[in-house]
C-alpha atoms as a PDB file:
ATOM      1  CA  MET A   1     104.752  95.731  65.179  1.00  0.00           C
ATOM      2  CA  ASP A   2     107.490  98.381  64.524  1.00  0.00           C
ATOM      3  CA  SER A   3     106.737  99.050  68.332  1.00  0.00           C
ATOM      4  CA  ILE A   4     107.527  95.439  69.764  1.00  0.00           C
ATOM      5  CA  ILE A   5     110.595  95.459  67.807  1.00  0.00           C
ATOM      6  CA  LEU A   6     111.827  98.729  69.305  1.00  0.00           C
ATOM      7  CA  ILE A   7     111.161  97.126  73.000  1.00  0.00           C
ATOM      8  CA  PHE A   8     113.140  94.023  72.356  1.00  0.00           C
ATOM      9  CA  LEU A   9     116.307  96.246  70.168  1.00  0.00           C
ATOM     10  CA  CYS A  10     116.502  98.578  72.999  1.00  0.00           C
ATOM     11  CA  LEU A  11     116.693  96.032  75.614  1.00  0.00           C
ATOM     12  CA  ILE A  12     119.535  94.320  73.620  1.00  0.00           C
ATOM     13  CA  ALA A  13     120.938  97.657  73.385  1.00  0.00           C
ATOM     14  CA  GLY A  14     121.058  98.177  76.787  1.00  0.00           C
ATOM     15  CA  VAL A  15     122.521  94.429  77.749  1.00  0.00           C
ATOM     16  CA  ALA A  16     125.279  95.458  74.907  1.00  0.00           C
ATOM     17  CA  LEU A  17     126.217  98.693  76.269  1.00  0.00           C
ATOM     18  CA  ARG A  18     126.640  97.007  79.822  1.00  0.00           C
ATOM     19  CA  ARG A  19     128.511  93.865  78.621  1.00  0.00           C
ATOM     20  CA  LEU A  20     130.859  95.752  76.219  1.00  0.00           C
ATOM     21  CA  LYS A  21     131.626  98.399  79.212  1.00  0.00           C
ATOM     22  CA  ILE A  22     131.345 101.302  76.501  1.00  0.00           C
ATOM     23  CA  SER A  23     129.087 103.373  79.028  1.00  0.00           C
ATOM     24  CA  PRO A  24     129.785 104.691  82.626  1.00  0.00           C
ATOM     25  CA  THR A  25     128.964 102.642  85.383  1.00  0.00           C
ATOM     26  CA  ASN A  26     126.048 105.021  86.630  1.00  0.00           C
ATOM     27  CA  ALA A  27     124.524 105.667  83.141  1.00  0.00           C
ATOM     28  CA  HIS A  28     121.333 103.904  83.867  1.00  0.00           C
ATOM     29  CA  THR A  29     120.616 106.279  86.666  1.00  0.00           C
ATOM     30  CA  VAL A  30     121.194 109.285  84.498  1.00  0.00           C
ATOM     31  CA  LEU A  31     118.275 107.274  82.123  1.00  0.00           C
ATOM     32  CA  ASN A  32     116.266 106.588  84.514  1.00  0.00           C
ATOM     33  CA  GLN A  33     115.986 110.092  85.745  1.00  0.00           C
ATOM     34  CA  PHE A  34     115.691 111.647  82.446  1.00  0.00           C
ATOM     35  CA  VAL A  35     112.450 109.608  82.064  1.00  0.00           C
ATOM     36  CA  ILE A  36     110.997 110.681  85.265  1.00  0.00           C
ATOM     37  CA  TYR A  37     111.748 114.201  85.329  1.00  0.00           C
ATOM     38  CA  ILE A  38     111.393 114.730  81.319  1.00  0.00           C
ATOM     39  CA  SER A  39     109.665 111.709  79.314  1.00  0.00           C
ATOM     40  CA  LEU A  40     106.922 111.230  81.711  1.00  0.00           C
ATOM     41  CA  PRO A  41     105.592 114.615  81.863  1.00  0.00           C
ATOM     42  CA  GLY A  42     106.004 115.341  78.741  1.00  0.00           C
ATOM     43  CA  LEU A  43     103.811 112.306  78.069  1.00  0.00           C
ATOM     44  CA  ALA A  44     100.973 113.722  80.811  1.00  0.00           C
ATOM     45  CA  LEU A  45     100.634 117.024  79.544  1.00  0.00           C
ATOM     46  CA  TYR A  46     100.206 115.672  75.762  1.00  0.00           C
ATOM     47  CA  TYR A  47      97.499 113.033  76.486  1.00  0.00           C
ATOM     48  CA  ILE A  48      95.656 113.988  79.950  1.00  0.00           C
ATOM     49  CA  PRO A  49      94.133 117.497  78.430  1.00  0.00           C
ATOM     50  CA  LYS A  50      92.620 115.178  75.737  1.00  0.00           C
ATOM     51  CA  ILE A  51      90.941 112.717  77.379  1.00  0.00           C
ATOM     52  CA  ALA A  52      86.964 112.736  77.259  1.00  0.00           C
ATOM     53  CA  LEU A  53      85.730 112.091  81.111  1.00  0.00           C
ATOM     54  CA  SER A  54      82.845 110.309  81.493  1.00  0.00           C
ATOM     55  CA  THR A  55      81.063 107.219  83.219  1.00  0.00           C
ATOM     56  CA  GLN A  56      82.189 105.031  80.392  1.00  0.00           C
ATOM     57  CA  LEU A  57      85.757 105.222  81.774  1.00  0.00           C
ATOM     58  CA  LEU A  58      84.764 103.500  85.131  1.00  0.00           C
ATOM     59  CA  LEU A  59      85.783  99.882  83.516  1.00  0.00           C
ATOM     60  CA  PRO A  60      88.990 100.893  81.843  1.00  0.00           C
ATOM     61  CA  LEU A  61      89.926 102.713  85.156  1.00  0.00           C
ATOM     62  CA  GLY A  62      88.847  99.946  87.203  1.00  0.00           C
ATOM     63  CA  VAL A  63      91.606  97.840  85.587  1.00  0.00           C
ATOM     64  CA  ALA A  64      94.724  99.571  86.838  1.00  0.00           C
ATOM     65  CA  TRP A  65      93.282 100.932  90.173  1.00  0.00           C
ATOM     66  CA  VAL A  66      92.153  97.115  90.934  1.00  0.00           C
ATOM     67  CA  THR A  67      95.215  95.387  89.964  1.00  0.00           C
ATOM     68  CA  PHE A  68      97.461  97.826  92.076  1.00  0.00           C
ATOM     69  CA  ALA A  69      95.013  97.257  94.844  1.00  0.00           C
ATOM     70  CA  LEU A  70      95.220  93.403  94.658  1.00  0.00           C
ATOM     71  CA  SER A  71      98.635  93.399  94.233  1.00  0.00           C
ATOM     72  CA  TRP A  72      99.224  95.562  97.470  1.00  0.00           C
ATOM     73  CA  LEU A  73      96.878  92.887  99.227  1.00  0.00           C
ATOM     74  CA  PHE A  74      98.427  89.955  98.070  1.00  0.00           C
ATOM     75  CA  PHE A  75     101.980  90.598  98.646  1.00  0.00           C
ATOM     76  CA  SER A  76     102.160  92.658 101.638  1.00  0.00           C
ATOM     77  CA  GLY A  77      99.934  89.791 103.394  1.00  0.00           C
ATOM     78  CA  LEU A  78     102.209  87.122 101.969  1.00  0.00           C
ATOM     79  CA  GLY A  79     105.600  89.484 103.031  1.00  0.00           C
ATOM     80  CA  LYS A  80     104.201  89.456 106.509  1.00  0.00           C
ATOM     81  CA  TRP A  81     103.129  85.883 106.606  1.00  0.00           C
ATOM     82  CA  LEU A  82     106.718  84.758 105.250  1.00  0.00           C
ATOM     83  CA  GLY A  83     108.354  87.517 106.997  1.00  0.00           C
ATOM     84  CA  TRP A  84     110.092  88.830 103.445  1.00  0.00           C
ATOM     85  CA  PRO A  85     112.096  92.144 103.981  1.00  0.00           C
ATOM     86  CA  LYS A  86     110.526  95.226 102.886  1.00  0.00           C
ATOM     87  CA  LYS A  87     112.498  95.757  99.958  1.00  0.00           C
ATOM     88  CA  LEU A  88     111.290  92.669  98.415  1.00  0.00           C
ATOM     89  CA  VAL A  89     107.630  93.363  99.223  1.00  0.00           C
ATOM     90  CA  GLY A  90     107.514  97.098  97.927  1.00  0.00           C
ATOM     91  CA  CYS A  91     109.416  95.752  94.678  1.00  0.00           C
ATOM     92  CA  LEU A  92     106.961  93.071  93.923  1.00  0.00           C
ATOM     93  CA  ILE A  93     103.906  95.209  94.774  1.00  0.00           C
ATOM     94  CA  LEU A  94     105.630  97.513  92.054  1.00  0.00           C
ATOM     95  CA  THR A  95     105.989  95.373  89.270  1.00  0.00           C
ATOM     96  CA  ALA A  96     103.135  92.908  89.517  1.00  0.00           C
ATOM     97  CA  GLY A  97     100.601  95.881  90.136  1.00  0.00           C
ATOM     98  CA  LEU A  98     101.743  98.085  87.313  1.00  0.00           C
ATOM     99  CA  GLY A  99     101.064  96.639  83.864  1.00  0.00           C
ATOM    100  CA  ASN A 100     102.555  97.818  80.779  1.00  0.00           C
ATOM    101  CA  THR A 101      99.377  99.292  79.341  1.00  0.00           C
ATOM    102  CA  ALA A 102     100.851 101.876  76.734  1.00  0.00           C
ATOM    103  CA  PHE A 103     104.510 100.678  75.263  1.00  0.00           C
ATOM    104  CA  VAL A 104     103.377  96.913  74.862  1.00  0.00           C
ATOM    105  CA  GLY A 105      99.749  97.229  75.400  1.00  0.00           C
ATOM    106  CA  PHE A 106      99.145  99.803  72.611  1.00  0.00           C
ATOM    107  CA  PRO A 107     100.516  97.892  69.798  1.00  0.00           C
ATOM    108  CA  VAL A 108      99.105  94.862  70.581  1.00  0.00           C
ATOM    109  CA  ILE A 109      95.493  96.004  71.136  1.00  0.00           C
ATOM    110  CA  GLU A 110      95.435  98.256  67.857  1.00  0.00           C
ATOM    111  CA  ALA A 111      96.638  94.834  66.600  1.00  0.00           C
ATOM    112  CA  LEU A 112      94.193  92.483  67.934  1.00  0.00           C
ATOM    113  CA  PHE A 113      91.472  95.328  68.053  1.00  0.00           C
ATOM    114  CA  GLY A 114      91.965  97.976  65.768  1.00  0.00           C
ATOM    115  CA  LYS A 115      92.159 101.984  66.138  1.00  0.00           C
ATOM    116  CA  LYS A 116      88.794 101.290  68.322  1.00  0.00           C
ATOM    117  CA  GLY A 117      90.196  99.147  70.836  1.00  0.00           C
ATOM    118  CA  LEU A 118      93.038 101.504  71.226  1.00  0.00           C
ATOM    119  CA  GLU A 119      90.787 104.181  72.455  1.00  0.00           C
ATOM    120  CA  THR A 120      89.768 101.986  75.723  1.00  0.00           C
ATOM    121  CA  ALA A 121      93.503 101.413  76.090  1.00  0.00           C
ATOM    122  CA  ILE A 122      94.481 104.570  76.244  1.00  0.00           C
ATOM    123  CA  ILE A 123      92.063 105.034  79.141  1.00  0.00           C
ATOM    124  CA  VAL A 124      93.353 102.545  80.878  1.00  0.00           C
ATOM    125  CA  ASP A 125      96.840 103.658  80.692  1.00  0.00           C
ATOM    126  CA  GLN A 126      96.726 107.463  80.878  1.00  0.00           C
ATOM    127  CA  PRO A 127      94.076 107.680  83.555  1.00  0.00           C
ATOM    128  CA  GLY A 128      94.352 104.524  84.937  1.00  0.00           C
ATOM    129  CA  THR A 129      98.085 103.129  84.992  1.00  0.00           C
ATOM    130  CA  PHE A 130      99.844 106.472  84.838  1.00  0.00           C
ATOM    131  CA  VAL A 131      97.825 108.061  87.803  1.00  0.00           C
ATOM    132  CA  VAL A 132      98.305 104.765  89.776  1.00  0.00           C
ATOM    133  CA  LEU A 133     102.160 105.212  89.008  1.00  0.00           C
ATOM    134  CA  SER A 134     102.023 109.072  90.128  1.00  0.00           C
ATOM    135  CA  THR A 135     100.283 108.464  93.342  1.00  0.00           C
ATOM    136  CA  LEU A 136     100.000 104.543  94.889  1.00  0.00           C
ATOM    137  CA  GLY A 137     103.172 103.820  93.193  1.00  0.00           C
ATOM    138  CA  ILE A 138     105.409 106.114  94.840  1.00  0.00           C
ATOM    139  CA  LEU A 139     103.213 105.880  98.033  1.00  0.00           C
ATOM    140  CA  VAL A 140     104.710 102.431  97.723  1.00  0.00           C
ATOM    141  CA  ALA A 141     108.137 103.530  96.694  1.00  0.00           C
ATOM    142  CA  THR A 142     108.518 105.479  99.767  1.00  0.00           C
ATOM    143  CA  MET A 143     106.868 103.329 102.388  1.00  0.00           C
ATOM    144  CA  TYR A 144     109.214 100.202 101.527  1.00  0.00           C
ATOM    145  CA  CYS A 145     112.354 102.056 100.926  1.00  0.00           C
ATOM    146  CA  LYS A 146     115.117 102.221 103.364  1.00  0.00           C
ATOM    147  CA  GLY A 147     113.934 104.063 106.223  1.00  0.00           C
ATOM    148  CA  THR A 148     110.830 105.378 107.069  1.00  0.00           C
ATOM    149  CA  ALA A 149     108.734 108.626 106.159  1.00  0.00           C
ATOM    150  CA  GLY A 150     106.228 110.534 107.876  1.00  0.00           C
ATOM    151  CA  THR A 151     103.252 111.301 106.390  1.00  0.00           C
ATOM    152  CA  SER A 152     104.197 115.022 105.445  1.00  0.00           C
ATOM    153  CA  GLY A 153     107.442 113.235 103.175  1.00  0.00           C
ATOM    154  CA  ILE A 154     105.164 110.683 101.499  1.00  0.00           C
ATOM    155  CA  LEU A 155     102.970 113.274 100.747  1.00  0.00           C
ATOM    156  CA  ARG A 156     106.004 115.785  99.449  1.00  0.00           C
ATOM    157  CA  LYS A 157     107.226 113.182  97.577  1.00  0.00           C
ATOM    158  CA  ILE A 158     104.246 112.391  95.550  1.00  0.00           C
ATOM    159  CA  LEU A 159     103.082 116.249  95.352  1.00  0.00           C
ATOM    160  CA  LEU A 160     106.765 116.888  93.683  1.00  0.00           C
ATOM    161  CA  PHE A 161     107.014 113.783  91.753  1.00  0.00           C
ATOM    162  CA  PRO A 162     107.547 115.383  88.464  1.00  0.00           C
ATOM    163  CA  PRO A 163     104.946 113.097  86.407  1.00  0.00           C
ATOM    164  CA  PHE A 164     102.478 113.653  89.260  1.00  0.00           C
ATOM    165  CA  VAL A 165     102.919 117.790  88.953  1.00  0.00           C
ATOM    166  CA  ALA A 166     102.571 117.187  84.893  1.00  0.00           C
ATOM    167  CA  PHE A 167      99.246 114.902  85.437  1.00  0.00           C
ATOM    168  CA  THR A 168      97.687 117.793  87.895  1.00  0.00           C
ATOM    169  CA  VAL A 169      98.310 120.574  85.064  1.00  0.00           C
ATOM    170  CA  GLY A 170      96.818 118.761  82.542  1.00  0.00           C
ATOM    171  CA  LEU A 171      93.507 117.488  84.397  1.00  0.00           C
ATOM    172  CA  CYS A 172      92.901 120.981  85.335  1.00  0.00           C
ATOM    173  CA  MET A 173      93.589 121.796  81.750  1.00  0.00           C
ATOM    174  CA  ASN A 174      91.135 119.053  80.733  1.00  0.00           C
ATOM    175  CA  LEU A 175      88.653 120.586  83.249  1.00  0.00           C
ATOM    176  CA  LEU A 176      88.737 123.913  81.675  1.00  0.00           C
ATOM    177  CA  ARG A 177      88.595 122.470  78.299  1.00  0.00           C
ATOM    178  CA  TYR A 178      91.873 123.756  77.162  1.00  0.00           C
ATOM    179  CA  ASP A 179      94.968 122.452  75.736  1.00  0.00           C
ATOM    180  CA  PHE A 180      98.519 123.642  74.830  1.00  0.00           C
ATOM    181  CA  HIS A 181      99.353 125.367  71.253  1.00  0.00           C
ATOM    182  CA  ASP A 182      99.817 122.806  68.218  1.00  0.00           C
ATOM    183  CA  MET A 183     103.316 123.593  68.581  1.00  0.00           C
ATOM    184  CA  LEU A 184     103.718 122.725  72.429  1.00  0.00           C
ATOM    185  CA  GLN A 185     101.672 119.589  71.979  1.00  0.00           C
ATOM    186  CA  SER A 186     104.193 118.561  69.011  1.00  0.00           C
ATOM    187  CA  VAL A 187     107.070 119.019  71.743  1.00  0.00           C
ATOM    188  CA  PHE A 188     105.360 117.216  74.254  1.00  0.00           C
ATOM    189  CA  GLN A 189     104.547 114.351  72.516  1.00  0.00           C
ATOM    190  CA  ARG A 190     108.232 114.037  71.344  1.00  0.00           C
ATOM    191  CA  LEU A 191     109.338 113.943  74.732  1.00  0.00           C
ATOM    192  CA  GLY A 192     106.600 111.468  75.676  1.00  0.00           C
ATOM    193  CA  ASN A 193     108.104 109.420  72.817  1.00  0.00           C
ATOM    194  CA  THR A 194     111.407 108.881  74.629  1.00  0.00           C
ATOM    195  CA  VAL A 195     109.965 107.204  77.536  1.00  0.00           C
ATOM    196  CA  THR A 196     110.285 103.667  75.535  1.00  0.00           C
ATOM    197  CA  PRO A 197     113.759 103.520  74.110  1.00  0.00           C
ATOM    198  CA  VAL A 198     115.220 105.247  77.043  1.00  0.00           C
ATOM    199  CA  ALA A 199     113.821 103.325  79.700  1.00  0.00           C
ATOM    200  CA  LEU A 200     114.606  99.825  78.231  1.00  0.00           C
ATOM    201  CA  VAL A 201     118.027 100.822  77.445  1.00  0.00           C
ATOM    202  CA  ALA A 202     118.503 101.760  81.206  1.00  0.00           C
ATOM    203  CA  VAL A 203     116.479  98.316  82.117  1.00  0.00           C
ATOM    204  CA  GLY A 204     118.806  96.271  79.709  1.00  0.00           C
ATOM    205  CA  MET A 205     121.842  97.926  81.576  1.00  0.00           C
ATOM    206  CA  GLN A 206     120.997  96.676  84.518  1.00  0.00           C
ATOM    207  CA  LEU A 207     119.503  93.171  83.445  1.00  0.00           C
ATOM    208  CA  GLN A 208     121.327  90.276  84.539  1.00  0.00           C
ATOM    209  CA  LEU A 209     119.670  86.767  84.696  1.00  0.00           C
ATOM    210  CA  GLN A 210     121.708  84.646  86.648  1.00  0.00           C
ATOM    211  CA  ARG A 211     120.880  80.777  87.056  1.00  0.00           C
ATOM    212  CA  ARG A 212     121.820  80.498  90.698  1.00  0.00           C
ATOM    213  CA  SER A 213     120.109  83.984  91.572  1.00  0.00           C
ATOM    214  CA  ARG A 214     117.832  83.905  94.426  1.00  0.00           C
ATOM    215  CA  HIS A 215     115.362  85.947  92.800  1.00  0.00           C
ATOM    216  CA  TRP A 216     114.012  83.187  90.471  1.00  0.00           C
ATOM    217  CA  GLY A 217     111.298  82.082  92.940  1.00  0.00           C
ATOM    218  CA  PHE A 218     110.221  85.658  93.479  1.00  0.00           C
ATOM    219  CA  LEU A 219     110.406  86.178  89.791  1.00  0.00           C
ATOM    220  CA  THR A 220     107.995  83.270  88.827  1.00  0.00           C
ATOM    221  CA  LEU A 221     105.610  84.266  91.702  1.00  0.00           C
ATOM    222  CA  GLY A 222     105.658  88.284  90.811  1.00  0.00           C
ATOM    223  CA  LEU A 223     105.070  86.950  86.938  1.00  0.00           C
ATOM    224  CA  ALA A 224     102.318  84.387  87.600  1.00  0.00           C
ATOM    225  CA  PHE A 225     100.401  86.993  89.394  1.00  0.00           C
ATOM    226  CA  LYS A 226     101.006  89.739  86.831  1.00  0.00           C
ATOM    227  CA  LEU A 227     100.349  86.980  83.533  1.00  0.00           C
ATOM    228  CA  LEU A 228      97.739  84.646  85.314  1.00  0.00           C
ATOM    229  CA  ILE A 229      96.157  85.782  88.326  1.00  0.00           C
ATOM    230  CA  THR A 230      95.214  89.282  87.417  1.00  0.00           C
ATOM    231  CA  PRO A 231      93.788  88.864  84.044  1.00  0.00           C
ATOM    232  CA  LEU A 232      91.937  85.660  85.540  1.00  0.00           C
ATOM    233  CA  PHE A 233      90.299  87.958  88.257  1.00  0.00           C
ATOM    234  CA  PHE A 234      89.165  90.442  85.444  1.00  0.00           C
ATOM    235  CA  PHE A 235      87.912  87.980  83.156  1.00  0.00           C
ATOM    236  CA  VAL A 236      85.757  86.537  86.331  1.00  0.00           C
ATOM    237  CA  VAL A 237      84.551  89.771  87.259  1.00  0.00           C
ATOM    238  CA  TYR A 238      83.684  91.524  84.138  1.00  0.00           C
ATOM    239  CA  LYS A 239      83.013  88.690  81.610  1.00  0.00           C
ATOM    240  CA  LEU A 240      81.044  86.149  83.869  1.00  0.00           C
ATOM    241  CA  VAL A 241      79.763  88.226  86.903  1.00  0.00           C
ATOM    242  CA  LEU A 242      78.693  91.555  85.342  1.00  0.00           C
ATOM    243  CA  GLY A 243      78.371  89.814  82.061  1.00  0.00           C
ATOM    244  CA  GLY A 244      80.324  92.223  80.075  1.00  0.00           C
ATOM    245  CA  LYS A 245      80.389  91.659  76.431  1.00  0.00           C
ATOM    246  CA  GLY A 246      82.165  93.337  73.479  1.00  0.00           C
ATOM    247  CA  MET A 247      85.173  95.253  72.836  1.00  0.00           C
ATOM    248  CA  THR A 248      85.416  97.355  75.967  1.00  0.00           C
ATOM    249  CA  THR A 249      85.234  94.271  78.133  1.00  0.00           C
ATOM    250  CA  ASP A 250      87.764  92.319  76.313  1.00  0.00           C
ATOM    251  CA  VAL A 251      90.320  95.286  75.802  1.00  0.00           C
ATOM    252  CA  CYS A 252      90.105  95.413  79.525  1.00  0.00           C
ATOM    253  CA  ILE A 253      90.953  91.965  80.058  1.00  0.00           C
ATOM    254  CA  MET A 254      93.491  92.088  77.537  1.00  0.00           C
ATOM    255  CA  GLU A 255      95.159  95.122  79.072  1.00  0.00           C
ATOM    256  CA  ALA A 256      95.210  93.309  82.607  1.00  0.00           C
ATOM    257  CA  ALA A 257      96.932  90.465  81.095  1.00  0.00           C
ATOM    258  CA  MET A 258     100.077  92.903  79.936  1.00  0.00           C
ATOM    259  CA  ALA A 259     103.499  92.459  81.253  1.00  0.00           C
ATOM    260  CA  PRO A 260     105.033  94.362  83.954  1.00  0.00           C
ATOM    261  CA  MET A 261     105.181  98.351  83.747  1.00  0.00           C
ATOM    262  CA  ILE A 262     108.601  99.591  82.548  1.00  0.00           C
ATOM    263  CA  MET A 263     108.150 102.827  84.749  1.00  0.00           C
ATOM    264  CA  ALA A 264     107.520 100.232  87.957  1.00  0.00           C
ATOM    265  CA  ALA A 265     110.904  98.625  87.370  1.00  0.00           C
ATOM    266  CA  ILE A 266     112.629 102.171  87.170  1.00  0.00           C
ATOM    267  CA  LEU A 267     110.971 103.712  90.293  1.00  0.00           C
ATOM    268  CA  ALA A 268     111.881 100.370  92.035  1.00  0.00           C
ATOM    269  CA  SER A 269     115.232 100.387  91.112  1.00  0.00           C
ATOM    270  CA  THR A 270     115.688 103.965  91.976  1.00  0.00           C
ATOM    271  CA  SER A 271     114.081 103.391  94.992  1.00  0.00           C
ATOM    272  CA  GLY A 272     116.390 100.759  96.023  1.00  0.00           C
ATOM    273  CA  LEU A 273     113.747  98.199  96.085  1.00  0.00           C
ATOM    274  CA  LYS A 274     115.397  94.852  94.641  1.00  0.00           C
ATOM    275  CA  PRO A 275     116.289  96.567  91.209  1.00  0.00           C
ATOM    276  CA  LYS A 276     117.748  93.313  89.942  1.00  0.00           C
ATOM    277  CA  LEU A 277     114.707  91.414  90.542  1.00  0.00           C
ATOM    278  CA  ALA A 278     112.696  94.453  89.142  1.00  0.00           C
ATOM    279  CA  ASN A 279     114.709  94.482  86.188  1.00  0.00           C
ATOM    280  CA  MET A 280     114.242  90.824  85.474  1.00  0.00           C
ATOM    281  CA  MET A 281     110.516  91.166  86.006  1.00  0.00           C
ATOM    282  CA  ILE A 282     110.544  93.514  82.596  1.00  0.00           C
ATOM    283  CA  GLY A 283     113.323  91.078  81.247  1.00  0.00           C
ATOM    284  CA  VAL A 284     111.635  87.990  81.461  1.00  0.00           C
ATOM    285  CA  GLY A 285     107.956  89.257  81.912  1.00  0.00           C
ATOM    286  CA  ILE A 286     107.797  91.074  78.276  1.00  0.00           C
ATOM    287  CA  PRO A 287     108.823  88.496  76.221  1.00  0.00           C
ATOM    288  CA  LEU A 288     107.001  85.492  78.260  1.00  0.00           C
ATOM    289  CA  SER A 289     103.612  88.411  77.975  1.00  0.00           C
ATOM    290  CA  PHE A 290     103.369  87.091  74.123  1.00  0.00           C
ATOM    291  CA  VAL A 291     102.730  83.560  74.838  1.00  0.00           C
ATOM    292  CA  THR A 292     100.134  84.118  77.952  1.00  0.00           C
ATOM    293  CA  LEU A 293      98.308  86.920  75.792  1.00  0.00           C
ATOM    294  CA  GLY A 294      98.120  84.745  72.995  1.00  0.00           C
ATOM    295  CA  PHE A 295      96.095  82.407  75.615  1.00  0.00           C
ATOM    296  CA  TRP A 296      93.870  84.971  76.990  1.00  0.00           C
ATOM    297  CA  TYR A 297      92.807  86.007  73.379  1.00  0.00           C
ATOM    298  CA  TRP A 298      92.054  82.590  72.369  1.00  0.00           C
ATOM    299  CA  LEU A 299      90.106  82.392  75.806  1.00  0.00           C
ATOM    300  CA  LEU A 300      88.088  85.603  75.087  1.00  0.00           C
ATOM    301  CA  LEU A 301      87.460  84.272  71.404  1.00  0.00           C
ATOM    302  CA  THR A 302      85.916  81.105  72.810  1.00  0.00           C
ATOM    303  CA  PHE A 303      83.216  83.025  75.073  1.00  0.00           C
ATOM    304  CA  ASN A 304      82.533  85.602  72.862  1.00  0.00           C
END
């Protein structure tokens, strides 16, 4: 519960800092860079070496990778059909294709399913959502931002993306069955813990909900895809087609129903992909997701 309170307090703090004009106009940019260059690498270096690799990862892994693929297909196709600008398409792919499987997901899953459910949620997030962000996420951000980058330019951005570098180091350590000294683990964990407060304050500083904004229609479509269409897809495939039963399947579906990922909005903003819409996806999506999550949990209870 304290994690949920932290989320809303940080969003409110960011909005207050902007409205009171007590922080530099570019403060959110500095905070975004802090998250990308320090917080996320710390998170990867702490968690990735500890993941137990096995075939049991396939279902939880599928949540993040399939969701992003569906988002890319859906919004790129729709954008091409309706003639949307590339920046708008890129923003929707990122924010509707990446779920908040950790900072909203972890406390929600732990509250509903206990520590055992949290084990599955970590798999959905770390080798799933986090790696998608560090690879396909940066690929989309590069492809849809202003200008066009060649293959070498795209590869360079992915390979030099700090969270991806940290993930690669962590994966190599995992394969070698080696972890950092306890002291370093504690340091990386503390750095990783700054992701939520810092990123959400930055989102709050950029969040502006204007009644006549031209983004409302796109916001509605993006949130409908993330909060309704995506979990429905996994409910049908995992529950009805594959006949999945038990906690693992239920946690996968609930994680698929999470609000847009905070870092997806940060990545879209830093890449110039409709920053206002990206932050609205977070600012509106997180509160709204608690309503839709209640519906999906009720549905899972009904079918169990």
